[in-house]
Amino acid sequence: MKPFVKSNKNDFLDAEAIAEAVDRQNMRFAPIKTDDQLDLQAMPEILENANTNLMPRMRNLVSLLWSEWKDLEQQIVAMNEEVEQIACSDPACQ
């Protein structure tokens, strides 16, 4: 929509640009996403809600990725603590 925006970005001007673009004969539009495609864009918080209509495959994938994220976060915390201990005991870092 960028070529159709006339000045600073705001909702009104965005809507105006979209309306102008829709009138163009040669405008191409992105297809509407399926529920499966939308699931693939999901965030980990949806795992906490048992009422979400996630496919088991998607729930398992997000759960696995979330576990990996938490493991990496714990490793970073441990490494930071190690670096801080080294820095506290090294006179050159004081």
N, C-alpha and C. Protein backbone atom coordinates (compact mmCIF):
# COMPACT_ATOMS: atom_id res chain seq x y z
N MET A 1 0.81 -1.18 0.00
CA MET A 1 0.00 0.00 0.00
C MET A 1 0.87 1.26 0.00
N LYS A 2 2.15 1.11 0.18
CA LYS A 2 3.04 2.27 0.31
C LYS A 2 2.92 3.27 -0.84
N PRO A 3 2.83 2.83 -2.10
CA PRO A 3 2.75 3.81 -3.17
C PRO A 3 1.47 4.66 -3.12
N PHE A 4 0.47 4.20 -2.39
CA PHE A 4 -0.80 4.92 -2.36
C PHE A 4 -0.94 5.84 -1.15
N VAL A 5 -0.01 5.76 -0.20
CA VAL A 5 -0.06 6.61 0.99
C VAL A 5 0.44 8.00 0.62
N LYS A 6 -0.33 9.03 1.01
CA LYS A 6 -0.02 10.39 0.59
C LYS A 6 0.82 11.17 1.59
N SER A 7 0.76 10.82 2.85
CA SER A 7 1.55 11.55 3.86
C SER A 7 1.80 10.64 5.05
N ASN A 8 1.90 11.21 6.24
CA ASN A 8 2.21 10.41 7.44
C ASN A 8 1.21 9.29 7.63
N LYS A 9 1.70 8.20 8.17
CA LYS A 9 0.89 6.99 8.35
C LYS A 9 -0.09 7.16 9.50
N ASN A 10 -1.36 6.88 9.24
CA ASN A 10 -2.38 6.75 10.28
C ASN A 10 -3.50 5.89 9.71
N ASP A 11 -4.44 5.47 10.55
CA ASP A 11 -5.49 4.55 10.11
C ASP A 11 -6.33 5.11 8.97
N PHE A 12 -6.68 6.40 9.07
CA PHE A 12 -7.52 7.01 8.04
C PHE A 12 -6.82 7.00 6.69
N LEU A 13 -5.55 7.42 6.68
CA LEU A 13 -4.80 7.45 5.42
C LEU A 13 -4.53 6.05 4.89
N ASP A 14 -4.32 5.09 5.79
CA ASP A 14 -4.15 3.69 5.36
C ASP A 14 -5.41 3.19 4.67
N ALA A 15 -6.56 3.48 5.25
CA ALA A 15 -7.84 3.06 4.67
C ALA A 15 -8.05 3.72 3.31
N GLU A 16 -7.69 4.98 3.20
CA GLU A 16 -7.82 5.70 1.93
C GLU A 16 -6.92 5.07 0.87
N ALA A 17 -5.70 4.73 1.24
CA ALA A 17 -4.77 4.09 0.30
C ALA A 17 -5.29 2.73 -0.15
N ILE A 18 -5.85 1.97 0.77
CA ILE A 18 -6.42 0.66 0.43
C ILE A 18 -7.59 0.83 -0.53
N ALA A 19 -8.46 1.79 -0.25
CA ALA A 19 -9.61 2.04 -1.12
C ALA A 19 -9.15 2.42 -2.53
N GLU A 20 -8.13 3.24 -2.64
CA GLU A 20 -7.61 3.63 -3.94
C GLU A 20 -6.99 2.43 -4.66
N ALA A 21 -6.26 1.60 -3.93
CA ALA A 21 -5.62 0.43 -4.55
C ALA A 21 -6.64 -0.57 -5.04
N VAL A 22 -7.74 -0.73 -4.32
CA VAL A 22 -8.77 -1.70 -4.69
C VAL A 22 -9.40 -1.34 -6.03
N ASP A 23 -9.48 -0.06 -6.34
CA ASP A 23 -10.07 0.39 -7.60
C ASP A 23 -9.20 0.08 -8.81
N ARG A 24 -7.94 -0.21 -8.60
CA ARG A 24 -7.03 -0.46 -9.71
C ARG A 24 -7.33 -1.83 -10.32
N GLN A 25 -7.34 -1.88 -11.65
CA GLN A 25 -7.64 -3.11 -12.37
C GLN A 25 -6.55 -4.17 -12.21
N ASN A 26 -5.30 -3.74 -12.17
CA ASN A 26 -4.19 -4.70 -12.16
C ASN A 26 -3.69 -5.05 -10.77
N MET A 27 -4.44 -4.72 -9.73
CA MET A 27 -4.02 -4.98 -8.35
C MET A 27 -4.15 -6.47 -8.04
N ARG A 28 -3.11 -7.04 -7.43
CA ARG A 28 -3.14 -8.45 -7.00
C ARG A 28 -3.33 -8.48 -5.49
N PHE A 29 -4.06 -9.46 -5.01
CA PHE A 29 -4.36 -9.56 -3.58
C PHE A 29 -3.84 -10.88 -3.02
N ALA A 30 -3.41 -10.86 -1.78
CA ALA A 30 -2.94 -12.07 -1.11
C ALA A 30 -4.15 -12.93 -0.76
N PRO A 31 -4.02 -14.24 -0.89
CA PRO A 31 -5.15 -15.11 -0.53
C PRO A 31 -5.38 -15.12 0.98
N ILE A 32 -6.61 -15.39 1.36
CA ILE A 32 -6.97 -15.49 2.78
C ILE A 32 -6.32 -16.74 3.35
N LYS A 33 -5.74 -16.63 4.55
CA LYS A 33 -5.05 -17.76 5.16
C LYS A 33 -6.04 -18.76 5.73
N THR A 34 -5.65 -20.04 5.65
CA THR A 34 -6.45 -21.10 6.22
C THR A 34 -6.20 -21.17 7.73
N ASP A 35 -7.04 -21.92 8.44
CA ASP A 35 -6.84 -22.10 9.88
C ASP A 35 -5.49 -22.75 10.17
N ASP A 36 -5.08 -23.70 9.32
CA ASP A 36 -3.78 -24.35 9.51
C ASP A 36 -2.64 -23.34 9.38
N GLN A 37 -2.74 -22.43 8.40
CA GLN A 37 -1.70 -21.42 8.23
C GLN A 37 -1.67 -20.47 9.42
N LEU A 38 -2.83 -20.12 9.93
CA LEU A 38 -2.89 -19.23 11.09
C LEU A 38 -2.31 -19.92 12.32
N ASP A 39 -2.54 -21.22 12.45
CA ASP A 39 -1.97 -21.98 13.56
C ASP A 39 -0.45 -21.90 13.55
N LEU A 40 0.13 -21.93 12.35
CA LEU A 40 1.59 -21.91 12.24
C LEU A 40 2.19 -20.59 12.71
N GLN A 41 1.37 -19.54 12.79
CA GLN A 41 1.84 -18.25 13.27
C GLN A 41 1.59 -18.08 14.77
N ALA A 42 1.15 -19.12 15.43
CA ALA A 42 0.72 -19.04 16.81
C ALA A 42 1.86 -18.72 17.77
N MET A 43 1.52 -18.20 18.96
CA MET A 43 2.48 -17.92 20.05
C MET A 43 2.31 -18.96 21.13
N PRO A 44 3.36 -19.16 22.01
CA PRO A 44 3.32 -20.20 23.04
C PRO A 44 2.16 -20.06 24.04
N GLU A 45 1.66 -18.84 24.22
CA GLU A 45 0.58 -18.65 25.21
C GLU A 45 -0.65 -19.50 24.89
N ILE A 46 -0.82 -19.83 23.62
CA ILE A 46 -2.01 -20.61 23.27
C ILE A 46 -1.97 -22.02 23.84
N LEU A 47 -0.78 -22.48 24.22
CA LEU A 47 -0.68 -23.81 24.82
C LEU A 47 -1.35 -23.85 26.18
N GLU A 48 -1.37 -22.69 26.85
CA GLU A 48 -1.95 -22.63 28.19
C GLU A 48 -3.47 -22.73 28.16
N ASN A 49 -4.07 -22.42 27.04
CA ASN A 49 -5.52 -22.43 26.92
C ASN A 49 -5.96 -23.73 26.27
N ALA A 50 -6.53 -24.61 27.06
CA ALA A 50 -6.95 -25.93 26.56
C ALA A 50 -8.12 -25.82 25.59
N ASN A 51 -8.81 -24.68 25.60
CA ASN A 51 -9.98 -24.50 24.73
C ASN A 51 -9.61 -24.06 23.32
N THR A 52 -8.35 -23.75 23.07
CA THR A 52 -7.97 -23.36 21.71
C THR A 52 -8.08 -24.57 20.80
N ASN A 53 -8.46 -24.31 19.58
CA ASN A 53 -8.68 -25.40 18.62
C ASN A 53 -7.42 -25.69 17.82
N LEU A 54 -6.35 -25.98 18.52
CA LEU A 54 -5.10 -26.31 17.85
C LEU A 54 -5.08 -27.79 17.48
N MET A 55 -4.52 -28.05 16.32
CA MET A 55 -4.32 -29.44 15.93
C MET A 55 -3.23 -30.02 16.84
N PRO A 56 -3.31 -31.30 17.17
CA PRO A 56 -2.28 -31.90 18.03
C PRO A 56 -0.87 -31.70 17.50
N ARG A 57 -0.69 -31.77 16.19
CA ARG A 57 0.62 -31.57 15.57
C ARG A 57 1.15 -30.19 15.90
N MET A 58 0.30 -29.18 15.81
CA MET A 58 0.73 -27.81 16.09
C MET A 58 1.00 -27.62 17.58
N ARG A 59 0.16 -28.19 18.43
CA ARG A 59 0.35 -28.09 19.88
C ARG A 59 1.69 -28.72 20.28
N ASN A 60 2.02 -29.87 19.69
CA ASN A 60 3.29 -30.54 20.00
C ASN A 60 4.48 -29.72 19.51
N LEU A 61 4.37 -29.15 18.32
CA LEU A 61 5.45 -28.35 17.76
C LEU A 61 5.72 -27.12 18.62
N VAL A 62 4.67 -26.38 18.97
CA VAL A 62 4.85 -25.18 19.78
C VAL A 62 5.38 -25.55 21.16
N SER A 63 4.91 -26.65 21.71
CA SER A 63 5.40 -27.11 23.01
C SER A 63 6.89 -27.43 22.96
N LEU A 64 7.31 -28.11 21.91
CA LEU A 64 8.72 -28.44 21.73
C LEU A 64 9.57 -27.17 21.61
N LEU A 65 9.11 -26.23 20.77
CA LEU A 65 9.84 -24.98 20.59
C LEU A 65 9.91 -24.17 21.89
N TRP A 66 8.82 -24.16 22.64
CA TRP A 66 8.79 -23.44 23.91
C TRP A 66 9.78 -24.05 24.90
N SER A 67 9.85 -25.39 24.93
CA SER A 67 10.80 -26.07 25.81
C SER A 67 12.24 -25.73 25.43
N GLU A 68 12.51 -25.72 24.13
CA GLU A 68 13.85 -25.36 23.67
C GLU A 68 14.19 -23.93 24.06
N TRP A 69 13.23 -23.03 23.92
CA TRP A 69 13.43 -21.62 24.29
C TRP A 69 13.76 -21.51 25.78
N LYS A 70 13.00 -22.21 26.62
CA LYS A 70 13.24 -22.14 28.07
C LYS A 70 14.60 -22.72 28.41
N ASP A 71 14.99 -23.82 27.76
CA ASP A 71 16.32 -24.41 27.99
C ASP A 71 17.43 -23.43 27.62
N LEU A 72 17.30 -22.78 26.48
CA LEU A 72 18.29 -21.79 26.07
C LEU A 72 18.35 -20.62 27.06
N GLU A 73 17.19 -20.21 27.52
CA GLU A 73 17.14 -19.11 28.50
C GLU A 73 17.87 -19.49 29.79
N GLN A 74 17.68 -20.72 30.25
CA GLN A 74 18.38 -21.19 31.45
C GLN A 74 19.89 -21.27 31.22
N GLN A 75 20.31 -21.70 30.04
CA GLN A 75 21.73 -21.74 29.73
C GLN A 75 22.34 -20.36 29.71
N ILE A 76 21.61 -19.38 29.19
CA ILE A 76 22.10 -18.00 29.17
C ILE A 76 22.24 -17.46 30.59
N VAL A 77 21.27 -17.74 31.44
CA VAL A 77 21.34 -17.29 32.84
C VAL A 77 22.55 -17.91 33.52
N ALA A 78 22.78 -19.21 33.31
CA ALA A 78 23.92 -19.89 33.93
C ALA A 78 25.24 -19.31 33.44
N MET A 79 25.34 -19.06 32.14
CA MET A 79 26.57 -18.49 31.59
C MET A 79 26.80 -17.07 32.11
N ASN A 80 25.75 -16.28 32.22
CA ASN A 80 25.88 -14.92 32.76
C ASN A 80 26.38 -14.96 34.21
N GLU A 81 25.85 -15.90 35.00
CA GLU A 81 26.29 -16.03 36.39
C GLU A 81 27.77 -16.41 36.44
N GLU A 82 28.19 -17.31 35.55
CA GLU A 82 29.59 -17.72 35.50
C GLU A 82 30.49 -16.55 35.14
N VAL A 83 30.09 -15.76 34.15
CA VAL A 83 30.88 -14.60 33.75
C VAL A 83 30.95 -13.58 34.89
N GLU A 84 29.85 -13.39 35.59
CA GLU A 84 29.83 -12.45 36.72
C GLU A 84 30.76 -12.93 37.84
N GLN A 85 30.77 -14.25 38.12
CA GLN A 85 31.66 -14.78 39.14
C GLN A 85 33.12 -14.59 38.76
N ILE A 86 33.43 -14.84 37.51
CA ILE A 86 34.81 -14.63 37.03
C ILE A 86 35.18 -13.16 37.16
N ALA A 87 34.27 -12.28 36.75
CA ALA A 87 34.55 -10.85 36.80
C ALA A 87 34.74 -10.36 38.23
N CYS A 88 33.98 -10.91 39.16
CA CYS A 88 34.09 -10.49 40.57
C CYS A 88 35.40 -10.96 41.19
N SER A 89 35.93 -12.10 40.74
CA SER A 89 37.14 -12.63 41.31
C SER A 89 38.42 -12.19 40.59
N ASP A 90 38.29 -11.53 39.46
CA ASP A 90 39.45 -11.09 38.68
C ASP A 90 39.73 -9.61 38.96
N PRO A 91 40.90 -9.31 39.53
CA PRO A 91 41.23 -7.91 39.86
C PRO A 91 41.20 -6.99 38.64
N ALA A 92 41.52 -7.51 37.46
CA ALA A 92 41.51 -6.67 36.26
C ALA A 92 40.10 -6.19 35.90
N CYS A 93 39.10 -6.97 36.33
CA CYS A 93 37.70 -6.59 36.04
C CYS A 93 37.14 -5.64 37.09
N GLN A 94 37.85 -5.49 38.20
CA GLN A 94 37.37 -4.60 39.25
C GLN A 94 37.57 -3.20 38.80
